[in-house]
Amino acid sequence: MRKKEPKLIITFHTTAEAIAMEKLCKENQKTGRMIPVPREISAGCGLAWCCEPDMEQEMSEFMKEKGMEHEEMVRLMY
């Protein structure tokens, strides 16, 4: 079993928003990956973006700049 570490989880209202986020992040060399939404939280769709917790400000600004909307940003052990 892998060790859980603190992560920043970004959830979305729709699957289309989650996939658009993944595409934008790859195009702009943002670290992170798409994951299933953890049980501890709920979201409009079943996908979430997972990255390092110290990227919260950077990701928030990036998403605003790109016109991306999210449901919530949560820090949790994942």
N, C-alpha and C. Protein backbone atom coordinates (compact mmCIF):
# COMPACT_ATOMS: atom_id res chain seq x y z
N MET A 1 0.84 -1.18 0.00
CA MET A 1 0.00 0.00 0.00
C MET A 1 0.89 1.25 0.00
N ARG A 2 0.58 2.18 -0.87
CA ARG A 2 1.42 3.37 -0.95
C ARG A 2 1.13 4.33 0.20
N LYS A 3 2.14 5.08 0.56
CA LYS A 3 2.02 6.05 1.65
C LYS A 3 1.23 7.26 1.18
N LYS A 4 0.27 7.70 2.00
CA LYS A 4 -0.51 8.89 1.65
C LYS A 4 0.30 10.13 1.98
N GLU A 5 0.17 11.12 1.10
CA GLU A 5 0.88 12.39 1.27
C GLU A 5 -0.10 13.53 1.09
N PRO A 6 0.20 14.72 1.62
CA PRO A 6 -0.69 15.86 1.41
C PRO A 6 -0.74 16.23 -0.07
N LYS A 7 -1.93 16.46 -0.58
CA LYS A 7 -2.14 16.83 -1.98
C LYS A 7 -3.19 17.92 -2.08
N LEU A 8 -3.14 18.66 -3.17
CA LEU A 8 -4.18 19.62 -3.51
C LEU A 8 -5.08 18.93 -4.53
N ILE A 9 -6.36 18.85 -4.21
CA ILE A 9 -7.34 18.21 -5.08
C ILE A 9 -8.27 19.29 -5.62
N ILE A 10 -8.38 19.38 -6.93
CA ILE A 10 -9.25 20.36 -7.58
C ILE A 10 -10.38 19.60 -8.25
N THR A 11 -11.62 19.88 -7.82
CA THR A 11 -12.78 19.19 -8.39
C THR A 11 -13.51 20.10 -9.38
N PHE A 12 -14.31 19.47 -10.22
CA PHE A 12 -15.00 20.18 -11.30
C PHE A 12 -16.48 19.81 -11.33
N HIS A 13 -17.28 20.69 -11.92
CA HIS A 13 -18.71 20.45 -12.05
C HIS A 13 -19.00 19.38 -13.11
N THR A 14 -18.20 19.36 -14.17
CA THR A 14 -18.45 18.43 -15.27
C THR A 14 -17.18 17.71 -15.69
N THR A 15 -17.36 16.57 -16.32
CA THR A 15 -16.23 15.82 -16.86
C THR A 15 -15.51 16.62 -17.94
N ALA A 16 -16.27 17.36 -18.74
CA ALA A 16 -15.66 18.18 -19.80
C ALA A 16 -14.70 19.21 -19.21
N GLU A 17 -15.06 19.83 -18.08
CA GLU A 17 -14.16 20.79 -17.42
C GLU A 17 -12.90 20.10 -16.93
N ALA A 18 -13.05 18.91 -16.37
CA ALA A 18 -11.90 18.17 -15.85
C ALA A 18 -10.94 17.81 -16.99
N ILE A 19 -11.46 17.35 -18.10
CA ILE A 19 -10.63 16.98 -19.25
C ILE A 19 -9.96 18.21 -19.85
N ALA A 20 -10.68 19.33 -19.90
CA ALA A 20 -10.09 20.58 -20.40
C ALA A 20 -8.94 21.01 -19.50
N MET A 21 -9.09 20.84 -18.20
CA MET A 21 -8.03 21.19 -17.25
C MET A 21 -6.79 20.33 -17.49
N GLU A 22 -7.00 19.04 -17.67
CA GLU A 22 -5.88 18.14 -17.93
C GLU A 22 -5.13 18.56 -19.19
N LYS A 23 -5.86 18.88 -20.24
CA LYS A 23 -5.25 19.31 -21.51
C LYS A 23 -4.46 20.60 -21.32
N LEU A 24 -5.06 21.60 -20.65
CA LEU A 24 -4.37 22.87 -20.41
C LEU A 24 -3.09 22.68 -19.58
N CYS A 25 -3.18 21.84 -18.56
CA CYS A 25 -2.01 21.61 -17.71
C CYS A 25 -0.88 20.95 -18.48
N LYS A 26 -1.21 19.99 -19.32
CA LYS A 26 -0.18 19.34 -20.13
C LYS A 26 0.45 20.31 -21.12
N GLU A 27 -0.38 21.15 -21.75
CA GLU A 27 0.12 22.13 -22.72
C GLU A 27 1.02 23.18 -22.06
N ASN A 28 0.78 23.46 -20.78
CA ASN A 28 1.52 24.50 -20.06
C ASN A 28 2.49 23.94 -19.03
N GLN A 29 2.83 22.66 -19.16
CA GLN A 29 3.80 21.98 -18.30
C GLN A 29 3.51 22.14 -16.80
N LYS A 30 2.25 22.05 -16.42
CA LYS A 30 1.87 22.08 -15.00
C LYS A 30 1.91 20.66 -14.48
N THR A 31 2.55 20.46 -13.35
CA THR A 31 2.64 19.12 -12.79
C THR A 31 1.33 18.73 -12.14
N GLY A 32 1.07 17.44 -12.14
CA GLY A 32 -0.14 16.91 -11.54
C GLY A 32 -0.72 15.84 -12.45
N ARG A 33 -1.88 15.31 -12.01
CA ARG A 33 -2.52 14.26 -12.81
C ARG A 33 -4.00 14.19 -12.48
N MET A 34 -4.74 13.59 -13.40
CA MET A 34 -6.17 13.38 -13.20
C MET A 34 -6.35 12.15 -12.32
N ILE A 35 -7.27 12.24 -11.37
CA ILE A 35 -7.55 11.12 -10.47
C ILE A 35 -9.07 10.99 -10.29
N PRO A 36 -9.53 9.83 -9.81
CA PRO A 36 -10.94 9.74 -9.41
C PRO A 36 -11.13 10.60 -8.16
N VAL A 37 -12.28 11.23 -8.02
CA VAL A 37 -12.53 12.06 -6.84
C VAL A 37 -12.47 11.17 -5.59
N PRO A 38 -11.64 11.55 -4.60
CA PRO A 38 -11.55 10.77 -3.36
C PRO A 38 -12.90 10.70 -2.63
N ARG A 39 -13.12 9.63 -1.89
CA ARG A 39 -14.36 9.43 -1.15
C ARG A 39 -14.63 10.52 -0.13
N GLU A 40 -13.57 11.12 0.40
CA GLU A 40 -13.72 12.13 1.45
C GLU A 40 -14.43 13.39 0.97
N ILE A 41 -14.46 13.60 -0.33
CA ILE A 41 -15.12 14.79 -0.87
C ILE A 41 -16.09 14.37 -1.97
N SER A 42 -16.99 15.26 -2.34
CA SER A 42 -17.90 14.96 -3.44
C SER A 42 -17.74 16.03 -4.51
N ALA A 43 -18.11 15.68 -5.73
CA ALA A 43 -17.98 16.63 -6.83
C ALA A 43 -19.03 16.33 -7.88
N GLY A 44 -19.26 17.31 -8.73
CA GLY A 44 -20.25 17.16 -9.79
C GLY A 44 -19.89 16.06 -10.77
N CYS A 45 -18.60 15.83 -10.96
CA CYS A 45 -18.18 14.72 -11.83
C CYS A 45 -17.23 13.84 -11.03
N GLY A 46 -16.84 12.73 -11.59
CA GLY A 46 -16.01 11.78 -10.85
C GLY A 46 -14.52 11.98 -11.01
N LEU A 47 -14.10 13.07 -11.66
CA LEU A 47 -12.67 13.31 -11.89
C LEU A 47 -12.19 14.56 -11.16
N ALA A 48 -10.92 14.54 -10.78
CA ALA A 48 -10.32 15.69 -10.10
C ALA A 48 -8.86 15.81 -10.54
N TRP A 49 -8.31 17.02 -10.43
CA TRP A 49 -6.89 17.24 -10.71
C TRP A 49 -6.15 17.17 -9.38
N CYS A 50 -5.05 16.45 -9.35
CA CYS A 50 -4.27 16.26 -8.13
C CYS A 50 -2.86 16.81 -8.36
N CYS A 51 -2.41 17.66 -7.44
CA CYS A 51 -1.05 18.21 -7.54
C CYS A 51 -0.53 18.50 -6.13
N GLU A 52 0.67 19.02 -6.06
CA GLU A 52 1.29 19.31 -4.78
C GLU A 52 0.55 20.46 -4.08
N PRO A 53 0.40 20.38 -2.76
CA PRO A 53 -0.36 21.40 -2.04
C PRO A 53 0.23 22.81 -2.11
N ASP A 54 1.53 22.91 -2.32
CA ASP A 54 2.15 24.24 -2.40
C ASP A 54 1.86 24.93 -3.74
N MET A 55 1.13 24.27 -4.63
CA MET A 55 0.77 24.86 -5.92
C MET A 55 -0.59 25.54 -5.91
N GLU A 56 -1.22 25.66 -4.74
CA GLU A 56 -2.58 26.19 -4.68
C GLU A 56 -2.70 27.58 -5.31
N GLN A 57 -1.85 28.51 -4.92
CA GLN A 57 -1.90 29.87 -5.47
C GLN A 57 -1.62 29.86 -6.97
N GLU A 58 -0.59 29.13 -7.36
CA GLU A 58 -0.21 29.04 -8.77
C GLU A 58 -1.36 28.48 -9.62
N MET A 59 -1.99 27.40 -9.15
CA MET A 59 -3.08 26.79 -9.90
C MET A 59 -4.31 27.68 -9.94
N SER A 60 -4.57 28.36 -8.85
CA SER A 60 -5.71 29.29 -8.81
C SER A 60 -5.54 30.40 -9.83
N GLU A 61 -4.35 30.99 -9.88
CA GLU A 61 -4.06 32.06 -10.84
C GLU A 61 -4.08 31.52 -12.27
N PHE A 62 -3.51 30.35 -12.48
CA PHE A 62 -3.48 29.72 -13.80
C PHE A 62 -4.90 29.48 -14.32
N MET A 63 -5.76 28.94 -13.48
CA MET A 63 -7.13 28.65 -13.89
C MET A 63 -7.90 29.93 -14.18
N LYS A 64 -7.67 30.95 -13.38
CA LYS A 64 -8.34 32.23 -13.62
C LYS A 64 -7.89 32.83 -14.95
N GLU A 65 -6.58 32.79 -15.19
CA GLU A 65 -6.00 33.31 -16.43
C GLU A 65 -6.55 32.59 -17.66
N LYS A 66 -6.77 31.28 -17.53
CA LYS A 66 -7.24 30.46 -18.65
C LYS A 66 -8.77 30.39 -18.73
N GLY A 67 -9.46 31.03 -17.79
CA GLY A 67 -10.92 31.02 -17.81
C GLY A 67 -11.53 29.69 -17.38
N MET A 68 -10.77 28.91 -16.61
CA MET A 68 -11.25 27.60 -16.14
C MET A 68 -11.99 27.76 -14.82
N GLU A 69 -13.13 27.11 -14.72
CA GLU A 69 -13.88 27.12 -13.47
C GLU A 69 -13.70 25.77 -12.78
N HIS A 70 -13.71 25.81 -11.46
CA HIS A 70 -13.62 24.57 -10.69
C HIS A 70 -14.71 24.58 -9.62
N GLU A 71 -14.96 23.42 -9.06
CA GLU A 71 -15.96 23.32 -8.01
C GLU A 71 -15.34 23.70 -6.67
N GLU A 72 -14.22 23.05 -6.32
CA GLU A 72 -13.51 23.41 -5.10
C GLU A 72 -12.07 22.94 -5.15
N MET A 73 -11.25 23.56 -4.28
CA MET A 73 -9.86 23.14 -4.08
C MET A 73 -9.75 22.69 -2.63
N VAL A 74 -9.26 21.47 -2.45
CA VAL A 74 -9.19 20.89 -1.12
C VAL A 74 -7.81 20.30 -0.90
N ARG A 75 -7.26 20.52 0.29
CA ARG A 75 -6.01 19.86 0.67
C ARG A 75 -6.38 18.64 1.50
N LEU A 76 -5.84 17.48 1.11
CA LEU A 76 -6.08 16.28 1.90
C LEU A 76 -4.99 15.26 1.66
N MET A 77 -4.97 14.24 2.50
CA MET A 77 -3.99 13.17 2.36
C MET A 77 -4.49 12.23 1.26
N TYR A 78 -3.66 12.03 0.24
CA TYR A 78 -4.04 11.17 -0.87
C TYR A 78 -2.86 10.32 -1.29
